[in-house]
Amino acid sequence: MRKILIFLFIIVLLNAGETITIAAGAGYKKMTLELLESFDKKDKINSVFGNMRQITTQALNHDISLLIGDKKFFNKINEFKDKKSEKIGSGKLVLIVKKGTNLSNLKDLEKDNIQKISIPDAKKAVYGLAASQAISNLNLNIKDKLLYVATVPQSASYVVSGEVDAGFVKSSEALSIKDKIEQILTVKSELYSEISIVALKLDSCDKSAICKDFVEYLKSKRAKEIILKYGL
């Protein structure tokens, strides 16, 4: 009996010291941090952020348990194709416009008063790919106006600072800075491929009670309220 109690005590100590690391795309940093803050075991989880290439590369070379980002991007990587995931929501693309400028629709981007438009790099950010698809499907003649940046937050910051006239971002980013911009134009979802945002479970997640608990938490009412708040 004594040996059993000692064994159980050791297991408790090991679990008490357990920590995991999750990685998320830079565009989901605010949402992820709020989700972690509301999770009862937040002190057991470390987090890192970057563009999709950065976080997937890090996951292949470091012990990361969970990846939050675009499912299609994860599916391009052989090591992640067969991993299970929990869908968080669907991303929505919008165009934001700087203070003092008004647009009736996306076609107005071709007008002479619009000189620079920020857009995330399609190779690094799913919203950049979505924006490129929308531009192509609408046959917009704005190629010479595009300023490519690495992430969605960078695209937004250029609009807020007035360095560009408009920029493509995700809806949650736009909502978080709505007081600093003139307007938000929704890009019709049929103009770009669906953006399915998931929590991808890596090998160490299956071995971690904390990781499993966090994945389950993502299904809770409180977590869904936070996720909805960020436009997913």
C-alpha atoms as a PDB file:
ATOM      1  CA  MET A   1       0.000   0.000   0.000  1.00  0.00           C
ATOM      2  CA  ARG A   2       2.806   2.349   0.929  1.00  0.00           C
ATOM      3  CA  LYS A   3       4.570   1.670  -2.382  1.00  0.00           C
ATOM      4  CA  ILE A   4       1.371   2.451  -4.285  1.00  0.00           C
ATOM      5  CA  LEU A   5       0.943   5.752  -2.440  1.00  0.00           C
ATOM      6  CA  ILE A   6       4.549   6.712  -3.161  1.00  0.00           C
ATOM      7  CA  PHE A   7       4.054   5.850  -6.825  1.00  0.00           C
ATOM      8  CA  LEU A   8       0.886   7.963  -7.046  1.00  0.00           C
ATOM      9  CA  PHE A   9       2.638  10.831  -5.287  1.00  0.00           C
ATOM     10  CA  ILE A  10       5.436  10.727  -7.867  1.00  0.00           C
ATOM     11  CA  ILE A  11       2.890  10.791 -10.704  1.00  0.00           C
ATOM     12  CA  VAL A  12       1.211  13.856  -9.174  1.00  0.00           C
ATOM     13  CA  LEU A  13       4.554  15.625  -8.873  1.00  0.00           C
ATOM     14  CA  LEU A  14       5.410  14.863 -12.483  1.00  0.00           C
ATOM     15  CA  ASN A  15       2.067  16.174 -13.712  1.00  0.00           C
ATOM     16  CA  ALA A  16       2.375  19.265 -11.536  1.00  0.00           C
ATOM     17  CA  GLY A  17       5.636  20.132 -13.278  1.00  0.00           C
ATOM     18  CA  GLU A  18       4.319  19.489 -16.787  1.00  0.00           C
ATOM     19  CA  THR A  19       4.266  22.393 -19.230  1.00  0.00           C
ATOM     20  CA  ILE A  20       3.562  22.511 -22.939  1.00  0.00           C
ATOM     21  CA  THR A  21       4.156  24.972 -25.761  1.00  0.00           C
ATOM     22  CA  ILE A  22       1.616  25.959 -28.373  1.00  0.00           C
ATOM     23  CA  ALA A  23       2.338  28.003 -31.494  1.00  0.00           C
ATOM     24  CA  ALA A  24      -0.080  30.201 -33.431  1.00  0.00           C
ATOM     25  CA  GLY A  25       0.007  32.352 -36.529  1.00  0.00           C
ATOM     26  CA  ALA A  26       0.709  36.014 -35.802  1.00  0.00           C
ATOM     27  CA  GLY A  27      -2.801  36.939 -36.929  1.00  0.00           C
ATOM     28  CA  TYR A  28      -4.261  34.810 -34.127  1.00  0.00           C
ATOM     29  CA  LYS A  29      -2.014  36.095 -31.355  1.00  0.00           C
ATOM     30  CA  LYS A  30      -4.632  38.225 -29.591  1.00  0.00           C
ATOM     31  CA  MET A  31      -7.264  35.505 -29.748  1.00  0.00           C
ATOM     32  CA  THR A  32      -4.860  32.815 -28.552  1.00  0.00           C
ATOM     33  CA  LEU A  33      -3.625  34.912 -25.641  1.00  0.00           C
ATOM     34  CA  GLU A  34      -7.204  35.618 -24.534  1.00  0.00           C
ATOM     35  CA  LEU A  35      -8.077  31.929 -24.775  1.00  0.00           C
ATOM     36  CA  LEU A  36      -5.045  31.057 -22.671  1.00  0.00           C
ATOM     37  CA  GLU A  37      -5.852  33.758 -20.135  1.00  0.00           C
ATOM     38  CA  SER A  38      -9.305  32.254 -19.604  1.00  0.00           C
ATOM     39  CA  PHE A  39      -7.988  28.688 -19.337  1.00  0.00           C
ATOM     40  CA  ASP A  40      -7.653  27.429 -15.762  1.00  0.00           C
ATOM     41  CA  LYS A  41      -4.214  25.911 -16.418  1.00  0.00           C
ATOM     42  CA  LYS A  42      -2.762  28.900 -18.241  1.00  0.00           C
ATOM     43  CA  ASP A  43       0.422  28.817 -16.162  1.00  0.00           C
ATOM     44  CA  LYS A  44       1.195  25.395 -17.642  1.00  0.00           C
ATOM     45  CA  ILE A  45       1.223  26.610 -21.264  1.00  0.00           C
ATOM     46  CA  ASN A  46       3.897  28.606 -23.073  1.00  0.00           C
ATOM     47  CA  SER A  47       3.076  30.288 -26.381  1.00  0.00           C
ATOM     48  CA  VAL A  48       5.002  31.439 -29.442  1.00  0.00           C
ATOM     49  CA  PHE A  49       3.805  33.358 -32.510  1.00  0.00           C
ATOM     50  CA  GLY A  50       4.964  34.098 -36.043  1.00  0.00           C
ATOM     51  CA  ASN A  51       3.964  33.747 -39.674  1.00  0.00           C
ATOM     52  CA  MET A  52       2.795  30.293 -40.764  1.00  0.00           C
ATOM     53  CA  ARG A  53       6.172  29.245 -42.139  1.00  0.00           C
ATOM     54  CA  GLN A  54       7.908  30.259 -38.932  1.00  0.00           C
ATOM     55  CA  ILE A  55       5.612  28.361 -36.588  1.00  0.00           C
ATOM     56  CA  THR A  56       5.526  25.197 -38.699  1.00  0.00           C
ATOM     57  CA  THR A  57       9.316  25.191 -39.007  1.00  0.00           C
ATOM     58  CA  GLN A  58       9.577  25.642 -35.263  1.00  0.00           C
ATOM     59  CA  ALA A  59       7.129  22.794 -34.685  1.00  0.00           C
ATOM     60  CA  LEU A  60       9.278  20.465 -36.799  1.00  0.00           C
ATOM     61  CA  ASN A  61      12.395  21.283 -34.827  1.00  0.00           C
ATOM     62  CA  HIS A  62      11.126  21.856 -31.277  1.00  0.00           C
ATOM     63  CA  ASP A  63       8.746  20.211 -28.846  1.00  0.00           C
ATOM     64  CA  ILE A  64       5.499  21.990 -29.662  1.00  0.00           C
ATOM     65  CA  SER A  65       2.221  20.292 -28.766  1.00  0.00           C
ATOM     66  CA  LEU A  66      -0.388  22.348 -30.618  1.00  0.00           C
ATOM     67  CA  LEU A  67      -0.451  24.551 -33.718  1.00  0.00           C
ATOM     68  CA  ILE A  68      -3.184  27.124 -34.369  1.00  0.00           C
ATOM     69  CA  GLY A  69      -3.622  28.276 -37.932  1.00  0.00           C
ATOM     70  CA  ASP A  70      -4.888  27.484 -41.417  1.00  0.00           C
ATOM     71  CA  LYS A  71      -5.637  23.819 -42.094  1.00  0.00           C
ATOM     72  CA  LYS A  72      -4.728  24.029 -45.790  1.00  0.00           C
ATOM     73  CA  PHE A  73      -1.299  25.351 -44.938  1.00  0.00           C
ATOM     74  CA  PHE A  74      -0.730  22.516 -42.464  1.00  0.00           C
ATOM     75  CA  ASN A  75      -1.857  19.981 -45.076  1.00  0.00           C
ATOM     76  CA  LYS A  76       0.977  21.077 -47.382  1.00  0.00           C
ATOM     77  CA  ILE A  77       3.510  19.732 -44.885  1.00  0.00           C
ATOM     78  CA  ASN A  78       3.992  15.953 -45.053  1.00  0.00           C
ATOM     79  CA  GLU A  79       4.665  15.592 -41.333  1.00  0.00           C
ATOM     80  CA  PHE A  80       1.309  17.221 -40.495  1.00  0.00           C
ATOM     81  CA  LYS A  81      -1.010  15.687 -43.096  1.00  0.00           C
ATOM     82  CA  ASP A  82      -2.242  12.837 -40.923  1.00  0.00           C
ATOM     83  CA  LYS A  83      -2.418  14.739 -37.645  1.00  0.00           C
ATOM     84  CA  LYS A  84      -5.813  15.218 -36.029  1.00  0.00           C
ATOM     85  CA  SER A  85      -7.190  18.710 -35.551  1.00  0.00           C
ATOM     86  CA  GLU A  86     -10.028  20.582 -33.881  1.00  0.00           C
ATOM     87  CA  LYS A  87     -11.752  23.188 -36.055  1.00  0.00           C
ATOM     88  CA  ILE A  88     -11.883  26.580 -34.369  1.00  0.00           C
ATOM     89  CA  GLY A  89     -13.717  28.551 -37.036  1.00  0.00           C
ATOM     90  CA  SER A  90     -13.658  30.030 -40.550  1.00  0.00           C
ATOM     91  CA  GLY A  91     -11.557  33.068 -41.333  1.00  0.00           C
ATOM     92  CA  LYS A  92     -13.052  36.120 -43.058  1.00  0.00           C
ATOM     93  CA  LEU A  93     -11.170  38.491 -45.346  1.00  0.00           C
ATOM     94  CA  VAL A  94     -11.872  42.245 -45.300  1.00  0.00           C
ATOM     95  CA  LEU A  95     -10.394  45.441 -46.693  1.00  0.00           C
ATOM     96  CA  ILE A  96      -9.677  48.304 -44.310  1.00  0.00           C
ATOM     97  CA  VAL A  97      -9.342  51.932 -45.411  1.00  0.00           C
ATOM     98  CA  LYS A  98      -7.269  54.690 -43.822  1.00  0.00           C
ATOM     99  CA  LYS A  99      -8.791  57.702 -42.093  1.00  0.00           C
ATOM    100  CA  GLY A 100     -10.080  60.348 -44.489  1.00  0.00           C
ATOM    101  CA  THR A 101     -10.615  57.966 -47.420  1.00  0.00           C
ATOM    102  CA  ASN A 102     -13.891  56.325 -48.473  1.00  0.00           C
ATOM    103  CA  LEU A 103     -14.517  53.474 -50.895  1.00  0.00           C
ATOM    104  CA  SER A 104     -17.886  52.280 -52.195  1.00  0.00           C
ATOM    105  CA  ASN A 105     -16.575  48.848 -53.180  1.00  0.00           C
ATOM    106  CA  LEU A 106     -13.392  46.960 -54.012  1.00  0.00           C
ATOM    107  CA  LYS A 107     -13.472  48.231 -57.601  1.00  0.00           C
ATOM    108  CA  ASP A 108     -12.702  51.689 -56.204  1.00  0.00           C
ATOM    109  CA  LEU A 109      -9.189  50.425 -55.477  1.00  0.00           C
ATOM    110  CA  GLU A 110      -8.438  51.104 -59.152  1.00  0.00           C
ATOM    111  CA  LYS A 111      -9.110  54.843 -58.742  1.00  0.00           C
ATOM    112  CA  ASP A 112      -6.201  57.292 -58.949  1.00  0.00           C
ATOM    113  CA  ASN A 113      -6.610  58.503 -55.358  1.00  0.00           C
ATOM    114  CA  ILE A 114      -5.704  55.008 -54.115  1.00  0.00           C
ATOM    115  CA  GLN A 115      -1.959  54.719 -54.575  1.00  0.00           C
ATOM    116  CA  LYS A 116      -0.805  52.025 -52.158  1.00  0.00           C
ATOM    117  CA  ILE A 117      -2.560  48.885 -50.852  1.00  0.00           C
ATOM    118  CA  SER A 118      -0.983  46.577 -48.288  1.00  0.00           C
ATOM    119  CA  ILE A 119      -1.417  42.833 -48.664  1.00  0.00           C
ATOM    120  CA  PRO A 120       0.063  39.937 -46.646  1.00  0.00           C
ATOM    121  CA  ASP A 121       2.468  37.702 -48.576  1.00  0.00           C
ATOM    122  CA  ALA A 122       0.455  34.806 -50.040  1.00  0.00           C
ATOM    123  CA  LYS A 123       3.320  32.398 -49.303  1.00  0.00           C
ATOM    124  CA  LYS A 124       3.395  33.316 -45.617  1.00  0.00           C
ATOM    125  CA  ALA A 125      -0.184  34.225 -44.701  1.00  0.00           C
ATOM    126  CA  VAL A 126      -3.450  32.564 -45.708  1.00  0.00           C
ATOM    127  CA  TYR A 127      -5.200  35.943 -45.847  1.00  0.00           C
ATOM    128  CA  GLY A 128      -2.619  37.065 -48.372  1.00  0.00           C
ATOM    129  CA  LEU A 129      -3.547  34.100 -50.538  1.00  0.00           C
ATOM    130  CA  ALA A 130      -7.241  34.878 -50.077  1.00  0.00           C
ATOM    131  CA  ALA A 131      -6.653  38.528 -51.040  1.00  0.00           C
ATOM    132  CA  SER A 132      -4.726  37.491 -54.155  1.00  0.00           C
ATOM    133  CA  GLN A 133      -7.585  35.184 -55.153  1.00  0.00           C
ATOM    134  CA  ALA A 134     -10.161  37.939 -54.627  1.00  0.00           C
ATOM    135  CA  ILE A 135      -8.141  40.429 -56.666  1.00  0.00           C
ATOM    136  CA  SER A 136      -7.826  37.896 -59.478  1.00  0.00           C
ATOM    137  CA  ASN A 137     -11.497  36.888 -59.414  1.00  0.00           C
ATOM    138  CA  LEU A 138     -12.577  40.529 -59.537  1.00  0.00           C
ATOM    139  CA  ASN A 139     -10.054  41.297 -62.301  1.00  0.00           C
ATOM    140  CA  LEU A 140      -8.788  44.297 -60.350  1.00  0.00           C
ATOM    141  CA  ASN A 141      -6.045  46.236 -62.092  1.00  0.00           C
ATOM    142  CA  ILE A 142      -4.059  47.140 -58.965  1.00  0.00           C
ATOM    143  CA  LYS A 143      -0.860  45.099 -59.302  1.00  0.00           C
ATOM    144  CA  ASP A 144       1.411  48.176 -59.300  1.00  0.00           C
ATOM    145  CA  LYS A 145      -0.267  49.493 -56.130  1.00  0.00           C
ATOM    146  CA  LEU A 146       0.306  46.422 -53.952  1.00  0.00           C
ATOM    147  CA  LEU A 147       2.741  46.541 -51.046  1.00  0.00           C
ATOM    148  CA  TYR A 148       3.519  43.031 -49.806  1.00  0.00           C
ATOM    149  CA  VAL A 149       4.112  42.511 -46.079  1.00  0.00           C
ATOM    150  CA  ALA A 150       4.765  39.380 -44.005  1.00  0.00           C
ATOM    151  CA  THR A 151       1.736  39.281 -41.709  1.00  0.00           C
ATOM    152  CA  VAL A 152      -1.839  40.489 -41.263  1.00  0.00           C
ATOM    153  CA  PRO A 153      -0.937  42.784 -38.304  1.00  0.00           C
ATOM    154  CA  GLN A 154       1.714  44.453 -40.487  1.00  0.00           C
ATOM    155  CA  SER A 155      -0.839  45.065 -43.232  1.00  0.00           C
ATOM    156  CA  ALA A 156      -3.139  46.663 -40.665  1.00  0.00           C
ATOM    157  CA  SER A 157      -0.404  48.817 -39.154  1.00  0.00           C
ATOM    158  CA  TYR A 158       0.426  50.347 -42.529  1.00  0.00           C
ATOM    159  CA  VAL A 159      -3.192  51.458 -42.924  1.00  0.00           C
ATOM    160  CA  VAL A 160      -3.392  52.869 -39.392  1.00  0.00           C
ATOM    161  CA  SER A 161      -0.169  54.854 -39.900  1.00  0.00           C
ATOM    162  CA  GLY A 162      -1.424  56.193 -43.238  1.00  0.00           C
ATOM    163  CA  GLU A 163       1.519  54.748 -45.175  1.00  0.00           C
ATOM    164  CA  VAL A 164      -0.977  53.003 -47.459  1.00  0.00           C
ATOM    165  CA  ASP A 165      -4.515  53.930 -48.460  1.00  0.00           C
ATOM    166  CA  ALA A 166      -6.053  50.513 -47.821  1.00  0.00           C
ATOM    167  CA  GLY A 167      -5.059  47.018 -46.797  1.00  0.00           C
ATOM    168  CA  PHE A 168      -6.285  43.438 -46.775  1.00  0.00           C
ATOM    169  CA  VAL A 169      -6.605  41.867 -43.307  1.00  0.00           C
ATOM    170  CA  LYS A 170      -8.760  39.381 -41.437  1.00  0.00           C
ATOM    171  CA  SER A 171     -12.005  40.595 -39.888  1.00  0.00           C
ATOM    172  CA  SER A 172     -10.883  40.244 -36.266  1.00  0.00           C
ATOM    173  CA  GLU A 173      -7.843  42.431 -36.916  1.00  0.00           C
ATOM    174  CA  ALA A 174     -10.088  45.051 -38.493  1.00  0.00           C
ATOM    175  CA  LEU A 175     -12.505  45.031 -35.558  1.00  0.00           C
ATOM    176  CA  SER A 176      -9.665  45.501 -33.083  1.00  0.00           C
ATOM    177  CA  ILE A 177      -8.578  48.748 -34.781  1.00  0.00           C
ATOM    178  CA  LYS A 178     -11.932  50.043 -36.062  1.00  0.00           C
ATOM    179  CA  ASP A 179     -11.520  53.377 -34.245  1.00  0.00           C
ATOM    180  CA  LYS A 180      -8.216  53.980 -36.039  1.00  0.00           C
ATOM    181  CA  ILE A 181      -9.478  53.467 -39.589  1.00  0.00           C
ATOM    182  CA  GLU A 182     -12.183  54.969 -41.813  1.00  0.00           C
ATOM    183  CA  GLN A 183     -14.099  51.868 -42.852  1.00  0.00           C
ATOM    184  CA  ILE A 184     -14.194  48.089 -43.253  1.00  0.00           C
ATOM    185  CA  LEU A 185     -15.330  46.476 -46.506  1.00  0.00           C
ATOM    186  CA  THR A 186     -16.214  42.788 -46.373  1.00  0.00           C
ATOM    187  CA  VAL A 187     -14.794  40.662 -49.185  1.00  0.00           C
ATOM    188  CA  LYS A 188     -17.392  38.158 -50.402  1.00  0.00           C
ATOM    189  CA  SER A 189     -16.455  34.649 -49.277  1.00  0.00           C
ATOM    190  CA  GLU A 190     -17.067  33.184 -52.743  1.00  0.00           C
ATOM    191  CA  LEU A 191     -14.115  35.212 -54.045  1.00  0.00           C
ATOM    192  CA  TYR A 192     -11.557  33.135 -52.148  1.00  0.00           C
ATOM    193  CA  SER A 193     -11.022  29.600 -50.850  1.00  0.00           C
ATOM    194  CA  GLU A 194     -12.451  28.739 -47.444  1.00  0.00           C
ATOM    195  CA  ILE A 195     -10.121  29.563 -44.570  1.00  0.00           C
ATOM    196  CA  SER A 196     -10.531  26.799 -42.004  1.00  0.00           C
ATOM    197  CA  ILE A 197      -8.750  27.657 -38.759  1.00  0.00           C
ATOM    198  CA  VAL A 198      -7.834  24.656 -36.617  1.00  0.00           C
ATOM    199  CA  ALA A 199      -5.882  23.555 -33.573  1.00  0.00           C
ATOM    200  CA  LEU A 200      -3.552  20.863 -34.938  1.00  0.00           C
ATOM    201  CA  LYS A 201      -2.522  18.241 -32.400  1.00  0.00           C
ATOM    202  CA  LEU A 202       1.103  17.122 -32.647  1.00  0.00           C
ATOM    203  CA  ASP A 203       2.636  13.990 -31.120  1.00  0.00           C
ATOM    204  CA  SER A 204       3.362  15.444 -27.688  1.00  0.00           C
ATOM    205  CA  CYS A 205      -0.258  16.586 -27.338  1.00  0.00           C
ATOM    206  CA  ASP A 206      -1.457  12.983 -27.155  1.00  0.00           C
ATOM    207  CA  LYS A 207       0.905  12.413 -24.247  1.00  0.00           C
ATOM    208  CA  SER A 208      -0.102  15.555 -22.356  1.00  0.00           C
ATOM    209  CA  ALA A 209      -3.167  15.877 -20.116  1.00  0.00           C
ATOM    210  CA  ILE A 210      -2.839  19.650 -20.242  1.00  0.00           C
ATOM    211  CA  CYS A 211      -2.877  19.719 -24.043  1.00  0.00           C
ATOM    212  CA  LYS A 212      -5.913  17.429 -24.159  1.00  0.00           C
ATOM    213  CA  ASP A 213      -7.689  19.631 -21.607  1.00  0.00           C
ATOM    214  CA  PHE A 214      -6.975  22.766 -23.641  1.00  0.00           C
ATOM    215  CA  VAL A 215      -8.295  21.169 -26.840  1.00  0.00           C
ATOM    216  CA  GLU A 216     -11.466  20.229 -24.974  1.00  0.00           C
ATOM    217  CA  TYR A 217     -11.680  23.774 -23.590  1.00  0.00           C
ATOM    218  CA  LEU A 218     -11.736  25.105 -27.158  1.00  0.00           C
ATOM    219  CA  LYS A 219     -15.155  23.426 -27.518  1.00  0.00           C
ATOM    220  CA  SER A 220     -16.590  25.175 -24.453  1.00  0.00           C
ATOM    221  CA  LYS A 221     -19.125  28.008 -24.512  1.00  0.00           C
ATOM    222  CA  ARG A 222     -16.622  30.476 -23.044  1.00  0.00           C
ATOM    223  CA  ALA A 223     -13.963  29.629 -25.624  1.00  0.00           C
ATOM    224  CA  LYS A 224     -16.449  29.873 -28.496  1.00  0.00           C
ATOM    225  CA  GLU A 225     -17.491  33.335 -27.285  1.00  0.00           C
ATOM    226  CA  ILE A 226     -13.867  34.470 -27.435  1.00  0.00           C
ATOM    227  CA  ILE A 227     -13.349  32.888 -30.851  1.00  0.00           C
ATOM    228  CA  LEU A 228     -16.498  34.565 -32.205  1.00  0.00           C
ATOM    229  CA  LYS A 229     -15.295  37.893 -30.818  1.00  0.00           C
ATOM    230  CA  TYR A 230     -12.255  37.569 -33.067  1.00  0.00           C
ATOM    231  CA  GLY A 231     -14.305  37.068 -36.195  1.00  0.00           C
ATOM    232  CA  LEU A 232     -14.123  33.281 -36.629  1.00  0.00           C
END
